[in-house]
Amino acid sequence: MKEKLAMNTSDHYLQTVLTPKCWKPVYQRKQSGWKKLLEKYQTRIDSTLAGAAIGLMFLTGIWLFLAQLAECMG
């Protein structure tokens, strides 16, 4: 690492400068097939799960309405 004098309009201060290749390269581990698929289709999976949740809530509401209607009738 080097130190470099940085000049601002009113301040003079020493600033540490990183030289190229001073950090080790980060090697990523090989991703599994499932993880690649999840990253590729994440928005489609999220929208499908949200649609399924909304559909299940709708069907549950109909079921509860019919159950209450049957109680009142009989």
PDB file of N, CA and C in Angstrom:
ATOM      1  N   MET A   1       0.842  -1.188   0.000  1.00  0.00           N
ATOM      2  CA  MET A   1       0.000   0.000   0.000  1.00  0.00           C
ATOM      3  C   MET A   1       0.877   1.238   0.000  1.00  0.00           C
ATOM      4  N   LYS A   2       0.391   2.261  -0.619  1.00  0.00           N
ATOM      5  CA  LYS A   2       1.110   3.519  -0.709  1.00  0.00           C
ATOM      6  C   LYS A   2       0.298   4.588  -0.001  1.00  0.00           C
ATOM      7  N   GLU A   3       0.977   5.616   0.366  1.00  0.00           N
ATOM      8  CA  GLU A   3       0.271   6.773   0.900  1.00  0.00           C
ATOM      9  C   GLU A   3       0.397   7.904  -0.095  1.00  0.00           C
ATOM     10  N   LYS A   4      -0.683   8.604  -0.286  1.00  0.00           N
ATOM     11  CA  LYS A   4      -0.717   9.657  -1.286  1.00  0.00           C
ATOM     12  C   LYS A   4      -1.267  10.910  -0.626  1.00  0.00           C
ATOM     13  N   LEU A   5      -0.715  12.027  -0.947  1.00  0.00           N
ATOM     14  CA  LEU A   5      -1.189  13.285  -0.396  1.00  0.00           C
ATOM     15  C   LEU A   5      -2.395  13.742  -1.211  1.00  0.00           C
ATOM     16  N   ALA A   6      -3.534  13.847  -0.545  1.00  0.00           N
ATOM     17  CA  ALA A   6      -4.754  14.276  -1.218  1.00  0.00           C
ATOM     18  C   ALA A   6      -4.986  15.748  -0.906  1.00  0.00           C
ATOM     19  N   MET A   7      -5.286  16.506  -1.913  1.00  0.00           N
ATOM     20  CA  MET A   7      -5.495  17.937  -1.735  1.00  0.00           C
ATOM     21  C   MET A   7      -6.972  18.263  -1.897  1.00  0.00           C
ATOM     22  N   ASN A   8      -7.542  18.789  -0.869  1.00  0.00           N
ATOM     23  CA  ASN A   8      -8.903  19.289  -0.919  1.00  0.00           C
ATOM     24  C   ASN A   8      -8.791  20.808  -0.934  1.00  0.00           C
ATOM     25  N   THR A   9      -9.892  21.510  -1.053  1.00  0.00           N
ATOM     26  CA  THR A   9      -9.815  22.971  -1.116  1.00  0.00           C
ATOM     27  C   THR A   9      -9.249  23.561   0.173  1.00  0.00           C
ATOM     28  N   SER A  10      -9.596  22.987   1.312  1.00  0.00           N
ATOM     29  CA  SER A  10      -9.116  23.568   2.558  1.00  0.00           C
ATOM     30  C   SER A  10      -8.249  22.596   3.368  1.00  0.00           C
ATOM     31  N   ASP A  11      -8.334  21.298   3.109  1.00  0.00           N
ATOM     32  CA  ASP A  11      -7.630  20.315   3.921  1.00  0.00           C
ATOM     33  C   ASP A  11      -6.539  19.629   3.118  1.00  0.00           C
ATOM     34  N   HIS A  12      -5.450  19.326   3.808  1.00  0.00           N
ATOM     35  CA  HIS A  12      -4.389  18.499   3.253  1.00  0.00           C
ATOM     36  C   HIS A  12      -4.303  17.275   4.156  1.00  0.00           C
ATOM     37  N   TYR A  13      -4.449  16.087   3.610  1.00  0.00           N
ATOM     38  CA  TYR A  13      -4.378  14.896   4.438  1.00  0.00           C
ATOM     39  C   TYR A  13      -3.775  13.756   3.638  1.00  0.00           C
ATOM     40  N   LEU A  14      -3.272  12.764   4.380  1.00  0.00           N
ATOM     41  CA  LEU A  14      -2.711  11.582   3.741  1.00  0.00           C
ATOM     42  C   LEU A  14      -3.819  10.568   3.510  1.00  0.00           C
ATOM     43  N   GLN A  15      -3.837   9.986   2.350  1.00  0.00           N
ATOM     44  CA  GLN A  15      -4.865   9.005   2.004  1.00  0.00           C
ATOM     45  C   GLN A  15      -4.161   7.724   1.592  1.00  0.00           C
ATOM     46  N   THR A  16      -4.638   6.591   2.109  1.00  0.00           N
ATOM     47  CA  THR A  16      -4.055   5.306   1.768  1.00  0.00           C
ATOM     48  C   THR A  16      -4.609   4.850   0.427  1.00  0.00           C
ATOM     49  N   VAL A  17      -3.729   4.439  -0.454  1.00  0.00           N
ATOM     50  CA  VAL A  17      -4.121   4.008  -1.786  1.00  0.00           C
ATOM     51  C   VAL A  17      -3.772   2.542  -1.930  1.00  0.00           C
ATOM     52  N   LEU A  18      -4.715   1.735  -2.365  1.00  0.00           N
ATOM     53  CA  LEU A  18      -4.466   0.311  -2.574  1.00  0.00           C
ATOM     54  C   LEU A  18      -3.875   0.102  -3.961  1.00  0.00           C
ATOM     55  N   THR A  19      -2.822  -0.644  -4.009  1.00  0.00           N
ATOM     56  CA  THR A  19      -2.210  -0.939  -5.297  1.00  0.00           C
ATOM     57  C   THR A  19      -2.980  -2.064  -5.972  1.00  0.00           C
ATOM     58  N   PRO A  20      -2.913  -2.170  -7.285  1.00  0.00           N
ATOM     59  CA  PRO A  20      -3.608  -3.262  -7.975  1.00  0.00           C
ATOM     60  C   PRO A  20      -3.075  -4.611  -7.516  1.00  0.00           C
ATOM     61  N   LYS A  21      -3.943  -5.571  -7.482  1.00  0.00           N
ATOM     62  CA  LYS A  21      -3.649  -6.951  -7.109  1.00  0.00           C
ATOM     63  C   LYS A  21      -3.184  -7.108  -5.666  1.00  0.00           C
ATOM     64  N   CYS A  22      -3.607  -6.195  -4.780  1.00  0.00           N
ATOM     65  CA  CYS A  22      -3.234  -6.361  -3.384  1.00  0.00           C
ATOM     66  C   CYS A  22      -4.237  -7.262  -2.663  1.00  0.00           C
ATOM     67  N   TRP A  23      -5.401  -7.472  -3.242  1.00  0.00           N
ATOM     68  CA  TRP A  23      -6.390  -8.373  -2.666  1.00  0.00           C
ATOM     69  C   TRP A  23      -6.297  -9.715  -3.373  1.00  0.00           C
ATOM     70  N   LYS A  24      -6.511 -10.766  -2.615  1.00  0.00           N
ATOM     71  CA  LYS A  24      -6.552 -12.097  -3.226  1.00  0.00           C
ATOM     72  C   LYS A  24      -7.835 -12.218  -4.039  1.00  0.00           C
ATOM     73  N   PRO A  25      -7.793 -12.891  -5.151  1.00  0.00           N
ATOM     74  CA  PRO A  25      -9.040 -13.074  -5.907  1.00  0.00           C
ATOM     75  C   PRO A  25      -9.995 -13.985  -5.130  1.00  0.00           C
ATOM     76  N   VAL A  26     -11.275 -13.673  -5.240  1.00  0.00           N
ATOM     77  CA  VAL A  26     -12.294 -14.457  -4.550  1.00  0.00           C
ATOM     78  C   VAL A  26     -12.783 -15.534  -5.510  1.00  0.00           C
ATOM     79  N   TYR A  27     -12.604 -16.765  -5.119  1.00  0.00           N
ATOM     80  CA  TYR A  27     -13.050 -17.878  -5.946  1.00  0.00           C
ATOM     81  C   TYR A  27     -14.415 -18.330  -5.458  1.00  0.00           C
ATOM     82  N   GLN A  28     -15.364 -18.354  -6.366  1.00  0.00           N
ATOM     83  CA  GLN A  28     -16.699 -18.798  -5.993  1.00  0.00           C
ATOM     84  C   GLN A  28     -16.778 -20.299  -6.142  1.00  0.00           C
ATOM     85  N   ARG A  29     -17.435 -20.900  -5.173  1.00  0.00           N
ATOM     86  CA  ARG A  29     -17.636 -22.338  -5.269  1.00  0.00           C
ATOM     87  C   ARG A  29     -18.642 -22.630  -6.367  1.00  0.00           C
ATOM     88  N   LYS A  30     -18.513 -23.800  -6.928  1.00  0.00           N
ATOM     89  CA  LYS A  30     -19.423 -24.190  -8.000  1.00  0.00           C
ATOM     90  C   LYS A  30     -20.828 -24.339  -7.423  1.00  0.00           C
ATOM     91  N   GLN A  31     -21.787 -23.714  -8.077  1.00  0.00           N
ATOM     92  CA  GLN A  31     -23.162 -23.758  -7.590  1.00  0.00           C
ATOM     93  C   GLN A  31     -23.820 -25.065  -8.004  1.00  0.00           C
ATOM     94  N   SER A  32     -24.717 -25.512  -7.151  1.00  0.00           N
ATOM     95  CA  SER A  32     -25.465 -26.724  -7.481  1.00  0.00           C
ATOM     96  C   SER A  32     -26.532 -26.388  -8.524  1.00  0.00           C
ATOM     97  N   GLY A  33     -27.068 -27.419  -9.142  1.00  0.00           N
ATOM     98  CA  GLY A  33     -28.080 -27.219 -10.174  1.00  0.00           C
ATOM     99  C   GLY A  33     -29.339 -26.576  -9.651  1.00  0.00           C
ATOM    100  N   TRP A  34     -29.737 -26.951  -8.423  1.00  0.00           N
ATOM    101  CA  TRP A  34     -30.960 -26.388  -7.849  1.00  0.00           C
ATOM    102  C   TRP A  34     -30.795 -24.892  -7.591  1.00  0.00           C
ATOM    103  N   LYS A  35     -29.627 -24.502  -7.112  1.00  0.00           N
ATOM    104  CA  LYS A  35     -29.406 -23.099  -6.815  1.00  0.00           C
ATOM    105  C   LYS A  35     -29.426 -22.263  -8.102  1.00  0.00           C
ATOM    106  N   LYS A  36     -28.848 -22.787  -9.178  1.00  0.00           N
ATOM    107  CA  LYS A  36     -28.878 -22.072 -10.456  1.00  0.00           C
ATOM    108  C   LYS A  36     -30.308 -21.902 -10.950  1.00  0.00           C
ATOM    109  N   LEU A  37     -31.095 -22.985 -10.842  1.00  0.00           N
ATOM    110  CA  LEU A  37     -32.490 -22.904 -11.285  1.00  0.00           C
ATOM    111  C   LEU A  37     -33.275 -21.901 -10.447  1.00  0.00           C
ATOM    112  N   LEU A  38     -33.033 -21.909  -9.126  1.00  0.00           N
ATOM    113  CA  LEU A  38     -33.739 -20.960  -8.264  1.00  0.00           C
ATOM    114  C   LEU A  38     -33.392 -19.526  -8.625  1.00  0.00           C
ATOM    115  N   GLU A  39     -32.129 -19.241  -8.887  1.00  0.00           N
ATOM    116  CA  GLU A  39     -31.746 -17.884  -9.249  1.00  0.00           C
ATOM    117  C   GLU A  39     -32.310 -17.485 -10.609  1.00  0.00           C
ATOM    118  N   LYS A  40     -32.348 -18.439 -11.534  1.00  0.00           N
ATOM    119  CA  LYS A  40     -32.823 -18.132 -12.884  1.00  0.00           C
ATOM    120  C   LYS A  40     -34.319 -17.848 -12.911  1.00  0.00           C
ATOM    121  N   TYR A  41     -35.097 -18.650 -12.180  1.00  0.00           N
ATOM    122  CA  TYR A  41     -36.555 -18.535 -12.231  1.00  0.00           C
ATOM    123  C   TYR A  41     -37.147 -17.956 -10.955  1.00  0.00           C
ATOM    124  N   GLN A  42     -36.390 -17.134 -10.208  1.00  0.00           N
ATOM    125  CA  GLN A  42     -36.850 -16.634  -8.917  1.00  0.00           C
ATOM    126  C   GLN A  42     -38.137 -15.825  -9.032  1.00  0.00           C
ATOM    127  N   THR A  43     -38.251 -14.926  -9.999  1.00  0.00           N
ATOM    128  CA  THR A  43     -39.456 -14.095 -10.100  1.00  0.00           C
ATOM    129  C   THR A  43     -40.665 -14.933 -10.491  1.00  0.00           C
ATOM    130  N   ARG A  44     -40.458 -15.910 -11.375  1.00  0.00           N
ATOM    131  CA  ARG A  44     -41.582 -16.761 -11.776  1.00  0.00           C
ATOM    132  C   ARG A  44     -42.048 -17.622 -10.603  1.00  0.00           C
ATOM    133  N   ILE A  45     -41.111 -18.139  -9.813  1.00  0.00           N
ATOM    134  CA  ILE A  45     -41.467 -18.951  -8.645  1.00  0.00           C
ATOM    135  C   ILE A  45     -42.214 -18.094  -7.628  1.00  0.00           C
ATOM    136  N   ASP A  46     -41.721 -16.862  -7.386  1.00  0.00           N
ATOM    137  CA  ASP A  46     -42.386 -15.980  -6.428  1.00  0.00           C
ATOM    138  C   ASP A  46     -43.810 -15.644  -6.856  1.00  0.00           C
ATOM    139  N   SER A  47     -43.997 -15.334  -8.131  1.00  0.00           N
ATOM    140  CA  SER A  47     -45.343 -14.979  -8.582  1.00  0.00           C
ATOM    141  C   SER A  47     -46.279 -16.186  -8.554  1.00  0.00           C
ATOM    142  N   THR A  48     -45.757 -17.379  -8.840  1.00  0.00           N
ATOM    143  CA  THR A  48     -46.584 -18.585  -8.777  1.00  0.00           C
ATOM    144  C   THR A  48     -47.007 -18.874  -7.344  1.00  0.00           C
ATOM    145  N   LEU A  49     -46.069 -18.742  -6.400  1.00  0.00           N
ATOM    146  CA  LEU A  49     -46.413 -18.974  -4.991  1.00  0.00           C
ATOM    147  C   LEU A  49     -47.401 -17.936  -4.476  1.00  0.00           C
ATOM    148  N   ALA A  50     -47.234 -16.674  -4.897  1.00  0.00           N
ATOM    149  CA  ALA A  50     -48.178 -15.629  -4.482  1.00  0.00           C
ATOM    150  C   ALA A  50     -49.567 -15.901  -5.056  1.00  0.00           C
ATOM    151  N   GLY A  51     -49.632 -16.307  -6.324  1.00  0.00           N
ATOM    152  CA  GLY A  51     -50.925 -16.637  -6.930  1.00  0.00           C
ATOM    153  C   GLY A  51     -51.583 -17.827  -6.252  1.00  0.00           C
ATOM    154  N   ALA A  52     -50.789 -18.840  -5.898  1.00  0.00           N
ATOM    155  CA  ALA A  52     -51.338 -20.008  -5.204  1.00  0.00           C
ATOM    156  C   ALA A  52     -51.871 -19.619  -3.824  1.00  0.00           C
ATOM    157  N   ALA A  53     -51.153 -18.736  -3.123  1.00  0.00           N
ATOM    158  CA  ALA A  53     -51.606 -18.304  -1.800  1.00  0.00           C
ATOM    159  C   ALA A  53     -52.915 -17.520  -1.900  1.00  0.00           C
ATOM    160  N   ILE A  54     -53.010 -16.632  -2.883  1.00  0.00           N
ATOM    161  CA  ILE A  54     -54.243 -15.863  -3.066  1.00  0.00           C
ATOM    162  C   ILE A  54     -55.392 -16.781  -3.443  1.00  0.00           C
ATOM    163  N   GLY A  55     -55.147 -17.748  -4.316  1.00  0.00           N
ATOM    164  CA  GLY A  55     -56.179 -18.705  -4.698  1.00  0.00           C
ATOM    165  C   GLY A  55     -56.654 -19.548  -3.523  1.00  0.00           C
ATOM    166  N   LEU A  56     -55.719 -19.991  -2.690  1.00  0.00           N
ATOM    167  CA  LEU A  56     -56.110 -20.778  -1.513  1.00  0.00           C
ATOM    168  C   LEU A  56     -56.926 -19.944  -0.531  1.00  0.00           C
ATOM    169  N   MET A  57     -56.565 -18.670  -0.353  1.00  0.00           N
ATOM    170  CA  MET A  57     -57.363 -17.813   0.534  1.00  0.00           C
ATOM    171  C   MET A  57     -58.775 -17.620  -0.029  1.00  0.00           C
ATOM    172  N   PHE A  58     -58.878 -17.464  -1.329  1.00  0.00           N
ATOM    173  CA  PHE A  58     -60.185 -17.309  -1.962  1.00  0.00           C
ATOM    174  C   PHE A  58     -61.040 -18.554  -1.766  1.00  0.00           C
ATOM    175  N   LEU A  59     -60.448 -19.727  -2.021  1.00  0.00           N
ATOM    176  CA  LEU A  59     -61.203 -20.974  -1.843  1.00  0.00           C
ATOM    177  C   LEU A  59     -61.573 -21.214  -0.387  1.00  0.00           C
ATOM    178  N   THR A  60     -60.686 -20.832   0.540  1.00  0.00           N
ATOM    179  CA  THR A  60     -61.000 -20.971   1.969  1.00  0.00           C
ATOM    180  C   THR A  60     -62.161 -20.067   2.342  1.00  0.00           C
ATOM    181  N   GLY A  61     -62.181 -18.859   1.799  1.00  0.00           N
ATOM    182  CA  GLY A  61     -63.289 -17.942   2.072  1.00  0.00           C
ATOM    183  C   GLY A  61     -64.612 -18.492   1.552  1.00  0.00           C
ATOM    184  N   ILE A  62     -64.614 -19.063   0.362  1.00  0.00           N
ATOM    185  CA  ILE A  62     -65.838 -19.672  -0.177  1.00  0.00           C
ATOM    186  C   ILE A  62     -66.279 -20.833   0.693  1.00  0.00           C
ATOM    187  N   TRP A  63     -65.308 -21.655   1.119  1.00  0.00           N
ATOM    188  CA  TRP A  63     -65.634 -22.816   1.954  1.00  0.00           C
ATOM    189  C   TRP A  63     -66.250 -22.372   3.281  1.00  0.00           C
ATOM    190  N   LEU A  64     -65.683 -21.358   3.920  1.00  0.00           N
ATOM    191  CA  LEU A  64     -66.232 -20.871   5.189  1.00  0.00           C
ATOM    192  C   LEU A  64     -67.606 -20.248   4.998  1.00  0.00           C
ATOM    193  N   PHE A  65     -67.804 -19.534   3.897  1.00  0.00           N
ATOM    194  CA  PHE A  65     -69.114 -18.958   3.617  1.00  0.00           C
ATOM    195  C   PHE A  65     -70.165 -20.055   3.450  1.00  0.00           C
ATOM    196  N   LEU A  66     -69.817 -21.102   2.712  1.00  0.00           N
ATOM    197  CA  LEU A  66     -70.772 -22.194   2.516  1.00  0.00           C
ATOM    198  C   LEU A  66     -71.039 -22.938   3.816  1.00  0.00           C
ATOM    199  N   ALA A  67     -70.004 -23.070   4.662  1.00  0.00           N
ATOM    200  CA  ALA A  67     -70.204 -23.740   5.956  1.00  0.00           C
ATOM    201  C   ALA A  67     -71.144 -22.930   6.837  1.00  0.00           C
ATOM    202  N   GLN A  68     -70.988 -21.606   6.872  1.00  0.00           N
ATOM    203  CA  GLN A  68     -71.884 -20.766   7.669  1.00  0.00           C
ATOM    204  C   GLN A  68     -73.298 -20.771   7.095  1.00  0.00           C
ATOM    205  N   LEU A  69     -73.403 -20.794   5.775  1.00  0.00           N
ATOM    206  CA  LEU A  69     -74.715 -20.830   5.148  1.00  0.00           C
ATOM    207  C   LEU A  69     -75.434 -22.124   5.486  1.00  0.00           C
ATOM    208  N   ALA A  70     -74.692 -23.231   5.507  1.00  0.00           N
ATOM    209  CA  ALA A  70     -75.308 -24.516   5.855  1.00  0.00           C
ATOM    210  C   ALA A  70     -75.732 -24.540   7.311  1.00  0.00           C
ATOM    211  N   GLU A  71     -74.988 -23.884   8.209  1.00  0.00           N
ATOM    212  CA  GLU A  71     -75.373 -23.827   9.618  1.00  0.00           C
ATOM    213  C   GLU A  71     -76.659 -23.035   9.804  1.00  0.00           C
ATOM    214  N   CYS A  72     -76.777 -21.929   9.090  1.00  0.00           N
ATOM    215  CA  CYS A  72     -77.961 -21.081   9.220  1.00  0.00           C
ATOM    216  C   CYS A  72     -79.188 -21.793   8.655  1.00  0.00           C
ATOM    217  N   MET A  73     -79.004 -22.589   7.625  1.00  0.00           N
ATOM    218  CA  MET A  73     -80.133 -23.254   6.977  1.00  0.00           C
ATOM    219  C   MET A  73     -80.607 -24.485   7.762  1.00  0.00           C
ATOM    220  N   GLY A  74     -79.706 -25.067   8.466  1.00  0.00           N
ATOM    221  CA  GLY A  74     -80.138 -26.330   8.975  1.00  0.00           C
ATOM    222  C   GLY A  74     -79.870 -26.675  10.329  1.00  0.00           C
TER     223      GLY A  74
END
